[in-house]
Amino acid sequence: MVLKKTVFLFFGLFLFLFTDLQGQYVDRKAHSYPKKFALDSNLMQEPWKHTTFKKKDSVYQTIIFNSVVHDALIKKQTPLYAIELNPELLLAAAAENQTSKNYFVSGGGGRLNYQHTQNFVFNASFVAFRQSGIITDSIRTSNNLLEDVFYSESTQDGYKALDLRVNALYKLSKFFKVGFGIDNHFTGDGYHSVIQGNNVPPYPYAKLSTSFWKIDYTVGYHFLKDVAWPDLSDTYRKYMTTHQLNIKLHPRFHVYAWEAIVWKQEDTITQRNYDMSYLNPVIFFRPVEFQLGSPSPDNVLLGIGFRWQPFNWMRVYGQAMVDEFYLKEITARNGWWANKYAFQLGVNSTFSRGNHCFQMRGEFNMARPFTYSYIGSMQNYGTRYTPLAHPLGANFGEVLSTVRWQWKGLGAFARVSYAQVGQNGEVNYGQHIYRSYTDREAEYGHNWLQGNLKSGVAADFRLMYTINPEMNLKLSLGVRKMPAFYANQNDLEEIYLRLSTFLSPQMKQLYQTK
């Protein structure tokens, strides 16, 4: 165990130093950073800051060549509003090793961005695609449990899926904004998040936020569904309320505190639905939870994080999630099962040399056994059989590095990660967050990465050419390895060719987890 921790620490330190040294060669003139690569300075980016439009005449841009190569399909801007409509496209072919066959993915859809003055923003996308030539996990696809899509269904030789994302935001006043839609959410600055990740299926939500002085505060209401594990045949409603408080201590140093509470729609006494106790935007969840009795039927989680930007071209970030916290048990160092926490530390560097743009990232993530799990799966920190935080669940360690280069339309991307997971067997070692934490063998003696330890390297190397930056239409050629952390599956190795504006869930995954 000591050797494993030393390897992780050494590798993480190496990535940090490498990224830091690379950043020394940056051109520090502010205008040398292309806007799409610049590190933003705000902890909370309002959607309209991502939907700015170049100044053009108020006419529709419908010339075929410009629409395909340079511009949006339809774009119009007036002093009152701006609208942009683009198609979505996915054509991909790959040869992989698990079945020694080729597989194909094809799909399409549309994306709409609308902005009315500075008070209302509406973004929506709809895509449908089909994958054939490789049989996927039939449980996930047939029971609509496929991650990162709205709906999925098995076919004879693969699966088909559709994805819907809708986000609306209205500025009520100078200090208040209200939003709603169907989407997943991400908290933090990392490639992954140990607080709230975006690898889950989209779900309905509403949020209310306020900004004043150096403070941003957001309350979110999330409408989830999940399985009553181990039964995966049906899903049931569960709910989550989140609070996030961001404080800008310095223009280059921000901190945030986060809390969430998860509960199921009905318990043994009543049909709770969305509990009115958790609608209050300015309460602490723990006192309300205590009023429900012991053990509480609801699951409270707490998180903290920071962002430090010492230079314009570099950002250091980190976060921690605490599922249970008893200082006495932590300092005793006796492996109490409920010492449940997760941790992230990373650095991101973006700089340019002439027309060459570079982005480098080094990141470390870990979670102790039983983190995110609860008495039952309907109160755990997940939705539709997918962890709401890191895709590896709990009882894992991960070191990840990415490098991106772009010169005009040409680009290259490399991503390598090394992960260790203490997997469950007949004994519950705390890795599977859908397995009840009451199904454990002992109260003490639980160590990080305990259980059936499996290691794996995930890698993705690709060359890209951006055909249309407005549509994000890219032609990519690459090779990929995706390790499997379940059911004695073999690692996936493939070579692929894509023409796409979006990716299917399998193309975005680093690991096979279920």
Protein backbone atom coordinates (compact mmCIF):
# COMPACT_ATOMS: atom_id res chain seq x y z
CA MET A 1 0.00 0.00 0.00
CA VAL A 2 2.84 2.38 0.82
CA LEU A 3 4.41 1.66 -2.57
CA LYS A 4 1.14 2.39 -4.38
CA LYS A 5 0.73 5.72 -2.60
CA THR A 6 4.34 6.63 -3.37
CA VAL A 7 3.85 5.89 -7.08
CA PHE A 8 0.73 8.07 -7.20
CA LEU A 9 2.45 10.91 -5.35
CA PHE A 10 5.56 10.77 -7.53
CA PHE A 11 3.59 10.65 -10.77
CA GLY A 12 1.35 13.53 -9.67
CA LEU A 13 4.39 15.62 -8.65
CA PHE A 14 6.04 14.90 -11.99
CA LEU A 15 2.98 16.07 -13.91
CA PHE A 16 2.80 19.22 -11.80
CA LEU A 17 6.46 20.11 -12.36
CA PHE A 18 6.31 19.27 -16.05
CA THR A 19 3.29 21.49 -16.59
CA ASP A 20 4.82 24.30 -14.56
CA LEU A 21 8.07 24.20 -16.52
CA GLN A 22 6.26 24.20 -19.84
CA GLY A 23 4.36 27.29 -18.79
CA GLN A 24 7.57 29.29 -18.38
CA TYR A 25 7.82 29.69 -22.14
CA VAL A 26 4.50 31.45 -22.50
CA ASP A 27 4.18 34.81 -24.19
CA ARG A 28 2.75 36.89 -21.33
CA LYS A 29 1.12 39.56 -23.48
CA ALA A 30 -2.60 39.41 -22.83
CA HIS A 31 -3.54 39.69 -26.48
CA SER A 32 -1.51 36.59 -27.34
CA TYR A 33 -4.08 34.26 -25.75
CA PRO A 34 -6.85 33.23 -28.15
CA LYS A 35 -10.19 33.74 -26.43
CA LYS A 36 -11.33 30.17 -26.82
CA PHE A 37 -8.21 28.94 -25.04
CA ALA A 38 -7.95 31.64 -22.36
CA LEU A 39 -8.57 30.68 -18.76
CA ASP A 40 -11.62 32.59 -17.59
CA SER A 41 -11.28 34.63 -14.42
CA ASN A 42 -14.81 34.18 -13.10
CA LEU A 43 -15.73 31.26 -10.88
CA MET A 44 -19.32 31.33 -12.12
CA GLN A 45 -19.63 31.96 -15.84
CA GLU A 46 -23.06 33.18 -16.85
CA PRO A 47 -24.34 31.39 -19.95
CA TRP A 48 -24.52 34.60 -21.98
CA LYS A 49 -20.76 34.96 -21.66
CA HIS A 50 -20.49 31.75 -23.65
CA THR A 51 -23.00 32.82 -26.31
CA THR A 52 -21.48 35.97 -27.71
CA PHE A 53 -21.78 36.54 -31.44
CA LYS A 54 -19.44 38.25 -33.84
CA LYS A 55 -20.71 41.51 -35.28
CA LYS A 56 -22.21 40.92 -38.69
CA ASP A 57 -24.90 42.43 -40.84
CA SER A 58 -28.44 41.52 -39.80
CA VAL A 59 -28.96 39.05 -42.61
CA TYR A 60 -29.21 35.28 -42.70
CA GLN A 61 -25.94 33.55 -43.59
CA THR A 62 -27.17 30.83 -45.93
CA ILE A 63 -24.43 30.52 -48.53
CA ILE A 64 -23.60 26.81 -48.62
CA PHE A 65 -19.83 27.15 -48.60
CA ASN A 66 -19.76 29.59 -45.70
CA SER A 67 -22.28 27.53 -43.76
CA VAL A 68 -20.20 24.35 -44.08
CA VAL A 69 -16.68 25.76 -43.73
CA HIS A 70 -16.77 29.10 -41.93
CA ASP A 71 -20.07 30.00 -40.38
CA ALA A 72 -23.16 28.81 -38.57
CA LEU A 73 -26.00 27.41 -40.64
CA ILE A 74 -28.24 30.31 -39.63
CA LYS A 75 -27.12 33.30 -37.63
CA LYS A 76 -28.84 36.61 -37.06
CA GLN A 77 -28.06 39.46 -34.72
CA THR A 78 -30.03 42.62 -33.99
CA PRO A 79 -29.78 45.16 -31.17
CA LEU A 80 -32.59 43.25 -29.44
CA TYR A 81 -31.66 39.59 -29.90
CA ALA A 82 -29.18 37.13 -31.38
CA ILE A 83 -30.00 33.67 -32.70
CA GLU A 84 -27.84 30.86 -34.04
CA LEU A 85 -28.90 27.49 -35.43
CA ASN A 86 -26.47 24.70 -36.28
CA PRO A 87 -26.80 21.06 -37.32
CA GLU A 88 -25.29 18.20 -35.30
CA LEU A 89 -23.48 15.36 -37.07
CA LEU A 90 -21.75 12.14 -36.04
CA LEU A 91 -20.22 9.65 -38.50
CA ALA A 92 -17.65 7.27 -37.06
CA ALA A 93 -16.04 3.93 -37.79
CA ALA A 94 -13.68 1.93 -35.61
CA ALA A 95 -11.89 -1.39 -35.47
CA GLU A 96 -11.65 -2.84 -31.97
CA ASN A 97 -10.16 -5.88 -30.28
CA GLN A 98 -12.92 -7.25 -28.05
CA THR A 99 -14.88 -8.79 -30.91
CA SER A 100 -12.23 -8.31 -33.64
CA LYS A 101 -14.89 -6.52 -35.64
CA ASN A 102 -15.57 -3.08 -36.98
CA TYR A 103 -18.35 -0.94 -35.57
CA PHE A 104 -20.10 2.12 -36.92
CA VAL A 105 -21.90 5.08 -35.39
CA SER A 106 -24.13 7.49 -37.25
CA GLY A 107 -26.41 10.24 -36.06
CA GLY A 108 -27.46 13.85 -36.27
CA GLY A 109 -29.62 16.58 -34.83
CA GLY A 110 -29.65 20.32 -34.21
CA ARG A 111 -28.49 22.98 -31.78
CA LEU A 112 -30.17 26.33 -31.05
CA ASN A 113 -28.72 29.31 -29.16
CA TYR A 114 -30.90 32.32 -28.48
CA GLN A 115 -30.15 35.46 -26.49
CA HIS A 116 -32.57 38.30 -25.81
CA THR A 117 -30.72 41.47 -24.80
CA GLN A 118 -28.72 40.60 -21.67
CA ASN A 119 -31.69 39.24 -19.72
CA PHE A 120 -32.64 35.90 -21.27
CA VAL A 121 -30.63 33.04 -22.73
CA PHE A 122 -31.99 29.81 -24.18
CA ASN A 123 -29.83 26.93 -25.41
CA ALA A 124 -31.15 23.61 -26.70
CA SER A 125 -29.75 20.61 -28.52
CA PHE A 126 -31.29 17.38 -29.77
CA VAL A 127 -29.34 14.48 -31.26
CA ALA A 128 -30.14 10.89 -32.13
CA PHE A 129 -27.59 8.24 -33.09
CA ARG A 130 -27.20 4.53 -33.61
CA GLN A 131 -24.24 2.26 -33.00
CA SER A 132 -23.98 -1.07 -34.77
CA GLY A 133 -21.39 -3.81 -35.03
CA ILE A 134 -20.66 -4.22 -31.31
CA ILE A 135 -22.98 -5.56 -28.63
CA THR A 136 -23.03 -3.30 -25.59
CA ASP A 137 -24.25 -3.99 -22.06
CA SER A 138 -27.86 -4.97 -22.75
CA ILE A 139 -28.95 -4.08 -19.20
CA ARG A 140 -27.84 -0.48 -19.59
CA THR A 141 -29.23 0.05 -23.07
CA SER A 142 -32.49 -1.87 -22.74
CA ASN A 143 -33.37 -0.35 -19.34
CA ASN A 144 -32.45 3.21 -20.35
CA LEU A 145 -29.47 3.32 -17.98
CA LEU A 146 -26.82 4.39 -20.51
CA GLU A 147 -24.78 7.25 -19.11
CA ASP A 148 -24.76 10.76 -20.60
CA VAL A 149 -27.83 10.33 -22.85
CA PHE A 150 -31.51 11.05 -22.30
CA TYR A 151 -32.82 7.75 -23.71
CA SER A 152 -31.31 4.49 -24.99
CA GLU A 153 -32.63 1.24 -26.39
CA SER A 154 -31.00 -2.03 -27.43
CA THR A 155 -31.00 -3.17 -31.05
CA GLN A 156 -30.12 -6.53 -32.57
CA ASP A 157 -26.51 -5.54 -33.20
CA GLY A 158 -25.93 -2.61 -30.87
CA TYR A 159 -28.03 0.23 -29.53
CA LYS A 160 -29.73 3.48 -30.45
CA ALA A 161 -30.02 6.58 -28.31
CA LEU A 162 -31.25 10.14 -28.26
CA ASP A 163 -30.01 13.02 -26.18
CA LEU A 164 -31.87 16.18 -25.23
CA ARG A 165 -30.37 19.20 -23.48
CA VAL A 166 -32.34 22.37 -22.67
CA ASN A 167 -31.07 25.30 -20.61
CA ALA A 168 -32.87 28.59 -19.99
CA LEU A 169 -31.70 31.46 -17.81
CA TYR A 170 -33.56 34.66 -16.99
CA LYS A 171 -32.02 37.63 -15.23
CA LEU A 172 -34.65 38.80 -12.75
CA SER A 173 -32.67 41.82 -11.55
CA LYS A 174 -29.15 43.05 -11.08
CA PHE A 175 -28.61 40.52 -8.31
CA PHE A 176 -30.87 37.53 -9.06
CA LYS A 177 -31.13 34.97 -11.86
CA VAL A 178 -33.39 31.95 -12.28
CA GLY A 179 -32.72 28.97 -14.53
CA PHE A 180 -34.28 25.66 -15.50
CA GLY A 181 -33.90 22.90 -18.05
CA ILE A 182 -32.79 19.33 -18.71
CA ASP A 183 -29.07 18.70 -18.40
CA ASN A 184 -26.31 17.35 -16.18
CA HIS A 185 -23.99 19.61 -14.21
CA PHE A 186 -20.33 19.98 -13.34
CA THR A 187 -18.65 21.53 -10.30
CA GLY A 188 -14.98 22.49 -10.34
CA ASP A 189 -12.15 23.11 -12.80
CA GLY A 190 -10.90 19.57 -13.37
CA TYR A 191 -11.26 17.01 -16.11
CA HIS A 192 -13.21 15.00 -13.54
CA SER A 193 -14.97 16.15 -10.38
CA VAL A 194 -15.28 14.46 -7.01
CA ILE A 195 -18.23 16.75 -6.15
CA GLN A 196 -20.46 16.82 -9.22
CA GLY A 197 -19.51 15.32 -12.60
CA ASN A 198 -21.18 15.53 -16.00
CA ASN A 199 -20.95 11.89 -17.07
CA VAL A 200 -24.51 11.14 -15.88
CA PRO A 201 -27.73 11.10 -17.94
CA PRO A 202 -29.39 14.54 -18.16
CA TYR A 203 -32.25 15.26 -15.77
CA PRO A 204 -34.73 18.11 -15.10
CA TYR A 205 -33.53 20.86 -12.80
CA ALA A 206 -34.24 24.39 -11.62
CA LYS A 207 -31.88 26.86 -9.98
CA LEU A 208 -31.85 30.27 -8.34
CA SER A 209 -28.65 32.30 -8.05
CA THR A 210 -27.54 35.64 -6.71
CA SER A 211 -24.34 37.66 -7.03
CA PHE A 212 -23.24 40.60 -4.94
CA TRP A 213 -19.94 42.04 -3.74
CA LYS A 214 -17.48 39.11 -3.92
CA ILE A 215 -20.06 36.41 -3.36
CA ASP A 216 -21.98 34.08 -5.70
CA TYR A 217 -24.63 31.78 -4.29
CA THR A 218 -26.68 29.16 -6.15
CA VAL A 219 -29.36 26.76 -5.00
CA GLY A 220 -30.27 23.88 -7.31
CA TYR A 221 -33.30 21.56 -7.36
CA HIS A 222 -32.64 18.28 -9.15
CA PHE A 223 -35.22 15.70 -10.22
CA LEU A 224 -33.50 12.32 -10.50
CA LYS A 225 -34.38 8.69 -11.15
CA ASP A 226 -32.59 5.56 -10.02
CA VAL A 227 -32.73 1.80 -9.63
CA ALA A 228 -33.50 -0.10 -6.43
CA TRP A 229 -30.29 -2.11 -6.64
CA PRO A 230 -29.81 -5.02 -7.24
CA ASP A 231 -33.03 -4.85 -9.26
CA LEU A 232 -32.19 -2.98 -12.48
CA SER A 233 -35.48 -3.56 -14.27
CA ASP A 234 -37.12 -0.26 -13.32
CA THR A 235 -36.31 3.24 -12.09
CA TYR A 236 -37.95 5.32 -9.37
CA ARG A 237 -37.95 8.99 -8.49
CA LYS A 238 -35.44 10.53 -6.14
CA TYR A 239 -34.55 14.15 -5.51
CA MET A 240 -31.57 16.31 -4.65
CA THR A 241 -31.14 19.90 -3.48
CA THR A 242 -27.72 21.57 -3.70
CA HIS A 243 -26.26 24.80 -2.33
CA GLN A 244 -23.04 26.36 -3.57
CA LEU A 245 -21.38 29.44 -2.07
CA ASN A 246 -18.47 31.00 -3.97
CA ILE A 247 -16.26 33.66 -2.40
CA LYS A 248 -13.75 35.67 -4.42
CA LEU A 249 -11.11 36.29 -1.77
CA HIS A 250 -8.83 37.74 -4.43
CA PRO A 251 -9.22 38.23 -8.21
CA ARG A 252 -6.88 35.27 -8.62
CA PHE A 253 -8.02 33.14 -5.68
CA HIS A 254 -11.56 31.84 -5.22
CA VAL A 255 -12.96 29.31 -2.75
CA TYR A 256 -16.33 27.61 -2.63
CA ALA A 257 -18.42 25.52 -0.26
CA TRP A 258 -21.02 23.04 -1.47
CA GLU A 259 -23.65 20.83 0.13
CA ALA A 260 -26.27 18.42 -1.15
CA ILE A 261 -29.02 16.26 0.24
CA VAL A 262 -30.51 13.25 -1.56
CA TRP A 263 -33.75 11.49 -0.67
CA LYS A 264 -36.17 9.06 -2.29
CA GLN A 265 -39.72 9.89 -3.29
CA GLU A 266 -41.38 7.67 -0.73
CA ASP A 267 -40.36 6.05 2.53
CA THR A 268 -42.03 3.52 4.83
CA ILE A 269 -44.43 6.15 6.19
CA THR A 270 -45.46 8.57 3.45
CA GLN A 271 -45.15 9.72 -0.15
CA ARG A 272 -42.65 12.57 0.29
CA ASN A 273 -42.17 13.77 -3.29
CA TYR A 274 -40.09 16.98 -3.28
CA ASP A 275 -39.78 17.63 0.46
CA MET A 276 -40.82 21.20 1.27
CA SER A 277 -38.15 21.34 4.00
CA TYR A 278 -35.44 21.38 1.34
CA LEU A 279 -36.95 24.13 -0.82
CA ASN A 280 -35.67 26.84 1.52
CA PRO A 281 -32.61 28.31 -0.25
CA VAL A 282 -30.85 29.54 2.90
CA ILE A 283 -30.91 26.58 5.30
CA PHE A 284 -28.25 24.08 6.31
CA PHE A 285 -29.29 20.54 5.47
CA ARG A 286 -27.80 18.74 8.46
CA PRO A 287 -30.13 20.23 11.16
CA VAL A 288 -33.19 19.47 8.99
CA GLU A 289 -31.95 15.93 8.44
CA PHE A 290 -31.48 15.38 12.19
CA GLN A 291 -35.16 16.18 12.74
CA LEU A 292 -36.10 13.14 10.66
CA GLY A 293 -34.66 10.72 13.22
CA SER A 294 -31.69 8.38 13.47
CA PRO A 295 -30.62 6.82 11.25
CA SER A 296 -31.71 9.54 8.84
CA PRO A 297 -33.48 8.42 5.65
CA ASP A 298 -31.69 11.20 3.72
CA ASN A 299 -28.08 11.50 2.59
CA VAL A 300 -26.16 14.74 3.21
CA LEU A 301 -22.82 15.42 1.49
CA LEU A 302 -20.46 18.38 1.94
CA GLY A 303 -17.79 19.72 -0.36
CA ILE A 304 -15.17 22.46 -0.52
CA GLY A 305 -12.93 23.65 -3.32
CA PHE A 306 -10.56 26.34 -4.49
CA ARG A 307 -9.20 27.94 -7.64
CA TRP A 308 -5.85 29.75 -7.66
CA GLN A 309 -4.59 31.44 -10.81
CA PRO A 310 -1.03 32.65 -10.04
CA PHE A 311 -0.48 33.58 -13.71
CA ASN A 312 -2.82 34.26 -16.62
CA TRP A 313 -1.67 31.03 -18.22
CA MET A 314 -1.86 28.68 -15.22
CA ARG A 315 -4.53 27.60 -12.76
CA VAL A 316 -4.19 25.37 -9.71
CA TYR A 317 -7.41 23.83 -8.44
CA GLY A 318 -8.67 21.33 -5.93
CA GLN A 319 -11.73 20.06 -4.12
CA ALA A 320 -12.77 17.64 -1.41
CA MET A 321 -16.02 15.81 -0.78
CA VAL A 322 -16.92 14.67 2.75
CA ASP A 323 -19.66 12.04 3.05
CA GLU A 324 -19.15 11.48 6.78
CA PHE A 325 -16.86 13.37 9.16
CA TYR A 326 -15.91 12.44 12.71
CA LEU A 327 -12.58 14.00 13.64
CA LYS A 328 -12.01 11.50 16.44
CA GLU A 329 -12.27 8.55 14.03
CA ILE A 330 -10.09 10.21 11.39
CA THR A 331 -7.29 11.04 13.81
CA ALA A 332 -7.47 7.53 15.32
CA ARG A 333 -6.31 6.15 11.93
CA ASN A 334 -7.94 2.79 12.58
CA GLY A 335 -9.77 2.48 9.25
CA TRP A 336 -13.30 3.23 10.38
CA TRP A 337 -15.64 2.37 7.53
CA ALA A 338 -17.43 5.76 7.63
CA ASN A 339 -14.28 7.81 7.05
CA LYS A 340 -15.81 8.57 3.67
CA TYR A 341 -14.21 11.32 1.63
CA ALA A 342 -12.84 12.10 -1.83
CA PHE A 343 -10.11 14.48 -2.94
CA GLN A 344 -8.85 16.21 -6.08
CA LEU A 345 -5.77 18.31 -6.88
CA GLY A 346 -4.79 19.54 -10.33
CA VAL A 347 -3.09 22.15 -12.46
CA ASN A 348 -4.12 23.46 -15.87
CA SER A 349 -1.88 25.51 -18.15
CA THR A 350 -2.85 27.30 -21.36
CA PHE A 351 -0.46 29.35 -23.47
CA SER A 352 0.46 30.20 -27.05
CA ARG A 353 3.54 30.68 -29.20
CA GLY A 354 2.56 32.67 -32.26
CA ASN A 355 -0.39 30.86 -33.83
CA HIS A 356 0.34 27.66 -31.91
CA CYS A 357 -1.91 27.14 -28.88
CA PHE A 358 -1.17 24.63 -26.13
CA GLN A 359 -3.14 23.32 -23.18
CA MET A 360 -1.74 20.95 -20.56
CA ARG A 361 -3.34 19.41 -17.51
CA GLY A 362 -2.19 17.20 -14.65
CA GLU A 363 -4.75 15.90 -12.13
CA PHE A 364 -5.04 13.52 -9.20
CA ASN A 365 -8.34 12.08 -7.91
CA MET A 366 -9.12 9.63 -5.12
CA ALA A 367 -12.01 8.37 -3.01
CA ARG A 368 -12.05 6.15 0.06
CA PRO A 369 -14.20 3.01 0.38
CA PHE A 370 -17.96 3.47 0.83
CA THR A 371 -17.89 7.15 -0.22
CA TYR A 372 -21.14 8.23 -1.94
CA SER A 373 -22.97 5.04 -0.88
CA TYR A 374 -25.86 4.87 1.57
CA ILE A 375 -28.30 2.50 3.25
CA GLY A 376 -30.00 1.92 -0.10
CA SER A 377 -29.36 2.89 -3.71
CA MET A 378 -32.31 5.29 -3.76
CA GLN A 379 -30.46 7.60 -1.36
CA ASN A 380 -26.93 7.16 -2.69
CA TYR A 381 -25.11 9.83 -4.69
CA GLY A 382 -26.07 8.59 -8.13
CA THR A 383 -28.74 8.68 -10.80
CA ARG A 384 -29.85 6.03 -13.30
CA TYR A 385 -27.16 3.60 -12.12
CA THR A 386 -24.37 6.14 -12.65
CA PRO A 387 -22.25 7.94 -10.00
CA LEU A 388 -23.00 11.66 -9.80
CA ALA A 389 -19.34 12.43 -9.06
CA HIS A 390 -16.38 10.47 -10.49
CA PRO A 391 -17.22 7.64 -12.94
CA LEU A 392 -15.05 5.13 -10.99
CA GLY A 393 -17.35 5.41 -7.98
CA ALA A 394 -15.38 4.92 -4.75
CA ASN A 395 -12.23 3.19 -3.45
CA PHE A 396 -10.08 4.33 -6.36
CA GLY A 397 -7.05 6.47 -7.18
CA GLU A 398 -6.38 8.17 -10.50
CA VAL A 399 -3.60 10.23 -12.06
CA LEU A 400 -4.55 11.92 -15.35
CA SER A 401 -2.73 14.09 -17.86
CA THR A 402 -3.90 15.77 -21.07
CA VAL A 403 -2.03 17.73 -23.74
CA ARG A 404 -3.70 19.66 -26.53
CA TRP A 405 -2.12 21.52 -29.46
CA GLN A 406 -3.81 23.62 -32.15
CA TRP A 407 -2.45 25.54 -35.08
CA LYS A 408 -5.10 27.19 -37.24
CA GLY A 409 -7.41 24.31 -38.17
CA LEU A 410 -5.00 21.53 -37.27
CA GLY A 411 -4.84 20.01 -33.83
CA ALA A 412 -3.65 17.08 -31.76
CA PHE A 413 -4.84 15.69 -28.46
CA ALA A 414 -3.30 13.20 -26.03
CA ARG A 415 -4.84 11.90 -22.82
CA VAL A 416 -3.27 9.32 -20.52
CA SER A 417 -4.55 8.22 -17.12
CA TYR A 418 -3.50 5.55 -14.67
CA ALA A 419 -6.14 4.25 -12.27
CA GLN A 420 -6.24 1.71 -9.43
CA VAL A 421 -9.56 0.39 -8.14
CA GLY A 422 -10.19 -1.85 -5.13
CA GLN A 423 -13.03 -3.89 -6.58
CA ASN A 424 -15.76 -5.75 -4.73
CA GLY A 425 -16.20 -9.48 -4.83
CA GLU A 426 -18.50 -11.47 -2.61
CA VAL A 427 -17.20 -9.18 0.13
CA ASN A 428 -18.24 -5.53 -0.02
CA TYR A 429 -15.02 -3.51 -0.07
CA GLY A 430 -16.87 -0.23 -0.65
CA GLN A 431 -16.21 0.35 -4.37
CA HIS A 432 -19.71 -0.11 -5.78
CA ILE A 433 -21.72 2.92 -4.60
CA TYR A 434 -25.01 1.14 -5.35
CA ARG A 435 -24.29 -1.59 -2.82
CA SER A 436 -25.52 -0.75 0.70
CA TYR A 437 -22.82 0.20 3.18
CA THR A 438 -24.63 -1.94 5.78
CA ASP A 439 -23.37 -4.96 3.81
CA ARG A 440 -19.84 -4.74 5.24
CA GLU A 441 -17.79 -7.25 7.20
CA ALA A 442 -16.33 -5.00 9.89
CA GLU A 443 -16.50 -1.54 11.44
CA TYR A 444 -12.74 -0.94 11.33
CA GLY A 445 -9.73 -1.90 9.25
CA HIS A 446 -10.91 -0.44 5.95
CA ASN A 447 -8.06 1.02 3.90
CA TRP A 448 -7.89 3.00 0.68
CA LEU A 449 -7.67 0.64 -2.35
CA GLN A 450 -8.62 -2.40 -0.28
CA GLY A 451 -10.19 -5.41 -1.98
CA ASN A 452 -9.45 -6.96 -5.35
CA LEU A 453 -7.00 -4.39 -6.66
CA LYS A 454 -6.99 -3.80 -10.40
CA SER A 455 -4.87 -1.28 -12.28
CA GLY A 456 -5.38 0.08 -15.76
CA VAL A 457 -4.06 2.67 -18.20
CA ALA A 458 -6.49 4.64 -20.34
CA ALA A 459 -5.09 6.45 -23.36
CA ASP A 460 -6.42 8.43 -26.30
CA PHE A 461 -4.24 9.93 -29.05
CA ARG A 462 -5.78 11.71 -32.00
CA LEU A 463 -5.14 14.13 -34.83
CA MET A 464 -7.89 16.59 -35.70
CA TYR A 465 -8.81 19.07 -38.38
CA THR A 466 -11.49 21.65 -37.57
CA ILE A 467 -13.63 22.08 -40.68
CA ASN A 468 -16.04 24.59 -39.17
CA PRO A 469 -15.24 26.18 -35.79
CA GLU A 470 -18.73 27.72 -35.46
CA MET A 471 -20.35 24.29 -35.69
CA ASN A 472 -17.44 22.52 -33.96
CA LEU A 473 -17.27 20.20 -36.97
CA LYS A 474 -14.08 18.14 -36.78
CA LEU A 475 -12.43 15.30 -38.67
CA SER A 476 -10.47 13.07 -36.27
CA LEU A 477 -8.20 10.05 -36.61
CA GLY A 478 -7.02 8.36 -33.46
CA VAL A 479 -6.23 5.32 -31.36
CA ARG A 480 -7.64 4.59 -27.93
CA LYS A 481 -7.35 2.18 -25.02
CA MET A 482 -10.12 1.90 -22.41
CA PRO A 483 -9.49 -0.43 -19.44
CA ALA A 484 -12.34 -2.44 -17.92
CA PHE A 485 -13.02 -2.35 -14.19
CA TYR A 486 -15.83 -4.88 -13.99
CA ALA A 487 -16.82 -8.49 -14.70
CA ASN A 488 -13.38 -9.65 -15.92
CA GLN A 489 -13.86 -7.79 -19.18
CA ASN A 490 -10.92 -7.26 -21.52
CA ASP A 491 -9.56 -3.79 -22.15
CA LEU A 492 -10.94 -2.08 -25.25
CA GLU A 493 -8.37 -1.07 -27.87
CA GLU A 494 -9.46 0.61 -31.09
CA ILE A 495 -8.48 2.80 -34.00
CA TYR A 496 -11.16 5.22 -35.14
CA LEU A 497 -12.10 7.80 -37.76
CA ARG A 498 -14.75 10.42 -36.98
CA LEU A 499 -16.52 13.31 -38.64
CA SER A 500 -18.47 14.90 -35.83
CA THR A 501 -19.83 17.88 -33.94
CA PHE A 502 -20.64 15.72 -30.89
CA LEU A 503 -19.57 12.37 -29.43
CA SER A 504 -21.47 9.34 -28.17
CA PRO A 505 -21.07 8.35 -24.50
CA GLN A 506 -18.68 5.50 -25.29
CA MET A 507 -16.39 7.87 -27.19
CA LYS A 508 -16.09 10.13 -24.14
CA GLN A 509 -15.52 7.38 -21.58
CA LEU A 510 -12.10 6.71 -20.08
CA TYR A 511 -13.06 3.46 -18.38
CA GLN A 512 -15.50 0.57 -18.72
CA THR A 513 -17.14 0.55 -15.32
CA LYS A 514 -20.33 -1.54 -15.67
